[in-house]
Amino acid sequence: MRLFTTLVFDQFVRGTAEVSSPPEFNDHLGKASSIVYEIEVEEAAGTSPVISVRHKHSNSGKGFIALTNLLTTTALDSLPFRDVKVQAGPLGGLGQVAVQLGGTNPVARVRIWATGWSA
């Protein structure tokens, strides 16, 4: 049964530091037994920009551990970029999705929708 469909990440990401989804979605992303992520990039700049996306989880909320690399250094040379990835459980009680860009001076507008499913 579908539990939710929510836009959990909607940001301009600048530079190569990892950026996580806002904390108000942590509980939401921990409620599902599996999650379907739709990742969209409509704008990107910089030299040879690439994107990595990870699902992270935690039970305590004191630290999040990367569970799965949904995308790993995927080139953003053809826009718009769209991909759908599935994060199967078991998952921790809290969840995050994290985005990291690579390349020289990368900038990208990233949106990620999540649909959570119960077992």
Protein backbone atom coordinates (compact mmCIF):
# COMPACT_ATOMS: atom_id res chain seq x y z
CA MET A 1 0.00 0.00 0.00
CA ARG A 2 1.25 3.48 -0.85
CA LEU A 3 1.87 5.60 2.25
CA PHE A 4 2.96 8.93 0.75
CA THR A 5 4.32 10.79 -2.25
CA THR A 6 6.27 13.90 -1.23
CA LEU A 7 8.81 16.33 -2.67
CA VAL A 8 11.59 15.78 -0.11
CA PHE A 9 14.44 17.73 -1.73
CA ASP A 10 14.13 20.95 -3.74
CA GLN A 11 17.33 23.00 -3.71
CA PHE A 12 20.05 24.64 -5.72
CA VAL A 13 23.15 22.71 -4.69
CA ARG A 14 26.43 24.62 -5.02
CA GLY A 15 29.88 23.10 -4.63
CA THR A 16 30.90 19.58 -3.71
CA ALA A 17 29.70 19.33 -0.08
CA GLU A 18 27.00 16.75 0.62
CA VAL A 19 23.57 18.32 1.21
CA SER A 20 20.83 16.35 3.01
CA SER A 21 17.07 16.65 2.77
CA PRO A 22 15.46 18.93 5.36
CA PRO A 23 14.99 17.34 8.82
CA GLU A 24 11.20 17.68 8.66
CA PHE A 25 11.22 14.71 6.26
CA ASN A 26 13.34 12.38 8.47
CA ASP A 27 10.34 10.76 10.16
CA HIS A 28 8.43 10.62 6.89
CA LEU A 29 11.23 8.73 5.10
CA GLY A 30 11.47 6.28 8.01
CA LYS A 31 7.82 5.17 7.81
CA ALA A 32 8.07 3.14 4.63
CA SER A 33 9.34 -0.38 4.08
CA SER A 34 10.54 0.69 0.62
CA ILE A 35 10.86 4.03 -1.16
CA VAL A 36 10.77 4.92 -4.85
CA TYR A 37 12.85 8.05 -5.50
CA GLU A 38 12.40 10.19 -8.62
CA ILE A 39 15.48 12.37 -9.11
CA GLU A 40 15.30 15.41 -11.40
CA VAL A 41 17.91 17.97 -12.45
CA GLU A 42 16.72 20.66 -14.87
CA GLU A 43 19.61 23.12 -14.52
CA ALA A 44 23.32 22.48 -14.03
CA ALA A 45 26.49 24.50 -14.49
CA GLY A 46 30.21 24.14 -13.94
CA THR A 47 32.82 22.05 -15.68
CA SER A 48 31.83 18.38 -16.10
CA PRO A 49 29.17 18.38 -13.33
CA VAL A 50 28.20 14.99 -11.89
CA ILE A 51 25.69 14.00 -9.20
CA SER A 52 25.65 11.35 -6.49
CA VAL A 53 22.52 10.60 -4.44
CA ARG A 54 22.38 8.45 -1.30
CA HIS A 55 19.64 7.11 0.94
CA LYS A 56 20.71 7.43 4.58
CA HIS A 57 19.02 6.11 7.69
CA SER A 58 19.16 6.24 11.48
CA ASN A 59 17.24 4.96 14.46
CA SER A 60 18.48 7.52 17.00
CA GLY A 61 18.58 10.63 14.81
CA LYS A 62 22.03 11.42 16.22
CA GLY A 63 23.79 10.39 13.03
CA PHE A 64 22.74 9.09 9.63
CA ILE A 65 24.52 6.23 7.87
CA ALA A 66 24.53 5.89 4.08
CA LEU A 67 22.61 2.73 3.23
CA THR A 68 22.60 2.83 -0.57
CA ASN A 69 24.17 4.90 -3.32
CA LEU A 70 21.19 5.55 -5.57
CA LEU A 71 23.34 7.42 -8.13
CA THR A 72 27.13 7.45 -8.19
CA THR A 73 28.98 10.22 -10.10
CA THR A 74 26.34 10.33 -12.83
CA ALA A 75 27.13 12.92 -15.53
CA LEU A 76 24.77 15.86 -15.92
CA ASP A 77 25.69 16.50 -19.55
CA SER A 78 22.18 15.96 -20.95
CA LEU A 79 19.42 17.99 -19.29
CA PRO A 80 16.81 17.59 -18.11
CA PHE A 81 18.12 14.57 -16.20
CA ARG A 82 15.57 12.21 -14.66
CA ASP A 83 15.99 8.83 -13.04
CA VAL A 84 13.96 6.58 -10.78
CA LYS A 85 15.61 4.44 -8.12
CA VAL A 86 14.19 2.07 -5.50
CA GLN A 87 15.42 1.83 -1.92
CA ALA A 88 14.27 -1.51 -0.53
CA GLY A 89 14.11 -2.21 3.20
CA PRO A 90 14.59 -2.93 5.92
CA LEU A 91 15.11 0.76 6.70
CA GLY A 92 15.89 2.63 9.91
CA GLY A 93 13.21 4.54 11.80
CA LEU A 94 14.40 7.85 10.28
CA GLY A 95 15.54 8.56 6.75
CA GLN A 96 17.30 11.17 4.64
CA VAL A 97 18.27 11.57 1.04
CA ALA A 98 21.62 13.27 0.39
CA VAL A 99 22.95 14.93 -2.77
CA GLN A 100 26.57 15.57 -3.65
CA LEU A 101 27.89 17.21 -6.80
CA GLY A 102 31.29 16.74 -8.38
CA GLY A 103 33.26 18.51 -11.09
CA THR A 104 34.67 22.03 -11.09
CA ASN A 105 32.44 24.72 -9.55
CA PRO A 106 29.29 22.58 -9.88
CA VAL A 107 25.81 24.02 -9.40
CA ALA A 108 22.55 22.17 -9.99
CA ARG A 109 18.85 22.56 -9.27
CA VAL A 110 17.87 19.20 -7.77
CA ARG A 111 14.39 17.93 -6.95
CA ILE A 112 13.68 14.53 -5.45
CA TRP A 113 10.24 13.06 -4.93
CA ALA A 114 9.78 10.05 -2.68
CA THR A 115 6.93 7.55 -2.70
CA GLY A 116 6.85 5.31 0.35
CA TRP A 117 5.30 1.83 0.32
CA SER A 118 4.37 -0.45 3.18
CA ALA A 119 5.12 -4.18 3.13
